[in-house]
Amino acid sequence: MVTAKLHGVELVRGQKWTVRVTAYGTTLIFPFEAEQYARSYADGQAFRLGVEVVELKDCA
């Protein structure tokens, strides 16, 4: 049985910084030019949802 991930925040490092926010099973993607803004946004969303930020490196 697969359970849906209700909440999560992922910070993806690639050409641009991307924050993926999953709230109540819906995922939204937010691109950022600057690392500082991406980290700040990810931290705020993680605090709001009560989760930890997962940092990933874009492999594509």
C-alpha atoms as a PDB file:
ATOM      1  CA  MET A   1       0.000   0.000   0.000  1.00  0.00           C
ATOM      2  CA  VAL A   2       1.379   3.405  -1.023  1.00  0.00           C
ATOM      3  CA  THR A   3       0.558   6.358   1.173  1.00  0.00           C
ATOM      4  CA  ALA A   4       0.433   9.871  -0.255  1.00  0.00           C
ATOM      5  CA  LYS A   5       2.894  12.401   1.086  1.00  0.00           C
ATOM      6  CA  LEU A   6       0.707  15.103   2.638  1.00  0.00           C
ATOM      7  CA  HIS A   7       3.392  17.672   3.498  1.00  0.00           C
ATOM      8  CA  GLY A   8       6.956  18.230   2.398  1.00  0.00           C
ATOM      9  CA  VAL A   9       9.450  20.874   1.304  1.00  0.00           C
ATOM     10  CA  GLU A  10      12.284  20.125  -1.122  1.00  0.00           C
ATOM     11  CA  LEU A  11      15.079  22.498  -2.105  1.00  0.00           C
ATOM     12  CA  VAL A  12      16.508  21.484  -5.494  1.00  0.00           C
ATOM     13  CA  ARG A  13      19.912  22.752  -6.651  1.00  0.00           C
ATOM     14  CA  GLY A  14      20.286  23.006 -10.409  1.00  0.00           C
ATOM     15  CA  GLN A  15      20.868  25.817 -12.906  1.00  0.00           C
ATOM     16  CA  LYS A  16      18.246  27.672 -10.901  1.00  0.00           C
ATOM     17  CA  TRP A  17      17.138  27.019  -7.359  1.00  0.00           C
ATOM     18  CA  THR A  18      13.722  25.406  -7.075  1.00  0.00           C
ATOM     19  CA  VAL A  19      11.518  24.905  -4.028  1.00  0.00           C
ATOM     20  CA  ARG A  20       8.869  22.169  -4.222  1.00  0.00           C
ATOM     21  CA  VAL A  21       6.179  22.534  -1.583  1.00  0.00           C
ATOM     22  CA  THR A  22       3.715  19.692  -1.014  1.00  0.00           C
ATOM     23  CA  ALA A  23       0.768  20.664   1.168  1.00  0.00           C
ATOM     24  CA  TYR A  24      -2.248  18.391   1.660  1.00  0.00           C
ATOM     25  CA  GLY A  25      -1.107  16.221  -1.258  1.00  0.00           C
ATOM     26  CA  THR A  26      -0.783  19.075  -3.783  1.00  0.00           C
ATOM     27  CA  THR A  27       2.697  20.037  -5.018  1.00  0.00           C
ATOM     28  CA  LEU A  28       3.626  23.533  -6.191  1.00  0.00           C
ATOM     29  CA  ILE A  29       7.001  24.485  -7.689  1.00  0.00           C
ATOM     30  CA  PHE A  30       8.671  27.860  -7.123  1.00  0.00           C
ATOM     31  CA  PRO A  31      11.823  28.805  -9.117  1.00  0.00           C
ATOM     32  CA  PHE A  32      14.379  31.241  -7.678  1.00  0.00           C
ATOM     33  CA  GLU A  33      17.453  32.898  -9.197  1.00  0.00           C
ATOM     34  CA  ALA A  34      19.235  33.383  -5.860  1.00  0.00           C
ATOM     35  CA  GLU A  35      20.073  30.670  -3.334  1.00  0.00           C
ATOM     36  CA  GLN A  36      19.409  32.961  -0.366  1.00  0.00           C
ATOM     37  CA  TYR A  37      15.794  33.627  -1.418  1.00  0.00           C
ATOM     38  CA  ALA A  38      15.142  29.958  -2.159  1.00  0.00           C
ATOM     39  CA  ARG A  39      16.478  28.846   1.234  1.00  0.00           C
ATOM     40  CA  SER A  40      14.502  31.534   3.045  1.00  0.00           C
ATOM     41  CA  TYR A  41      11.265  30.564   1.286  1.00  0.00           C
ATOM     42  CA  ALA A  42      11.859  26.852   1.876  1.00  0.00           C
ATOM     43  CA  ASP A  43      12.557  27.435   5.576  1.00  0.00           C
ATOM     44  CA  GLY A  44       9.371  29.478   5.967  1.00  0.00           C
ATOM     45  CA  GLN A  45       7.224  26.862   4.248  1.00  0.00           C
ATOM     46  CA  ALA A  46       8.799  24.041   6.260  1.00  0.00           C
ATOM     47  CA  PHE A  47       8.064  25.927   9.478  1.00  0.00           C
ATOM     48  CA  ARG A  48       4.455  26.531   8.370  1.00  0.00           C
ATOM     49  CA  LEU A  49       3.921  22.839   7.546  1.00  0.00           C
ATOM     50  CA  GLY A  50       5.914  21.456  10.477  1.00  0.00           C
ATOM     51  CA  VAL A  51       8.412  19.481   8.359  1.00  0.00           C
ATOM     52  CA  GLU A  52      12.140  19.502   7.582  1.00  0.00           C
ATOM     53  CA  VAL A  53      13.577  20.843   4.324  1.00  0.00           C
ATOM     54  CA  VAL A  54      14.999  18.075   2.105  1.00  0.00           C
ATOM     55  CA  GLU A  55      17.862  19.303  -0.063  1.00  0.00           C
ATOM     56  CA  LEU A  56      18.316  17.620  -3.448  1.00  0.00           C
ATOM     57  CA  LYS A  57      20.683  18.077  -6.382  1.00  0.00           C
ATOM     58  CA  ASP A  58      19.130  18.196  -9.848  1.00  0.00           C
ATOM     59  CA  CYS A  59      20.664  15.353 -11.862  1.00  0.00           C
ATOM     60  CA  ALA A  60      19.125  16.230 -15.222  1.00  0.00           C
END
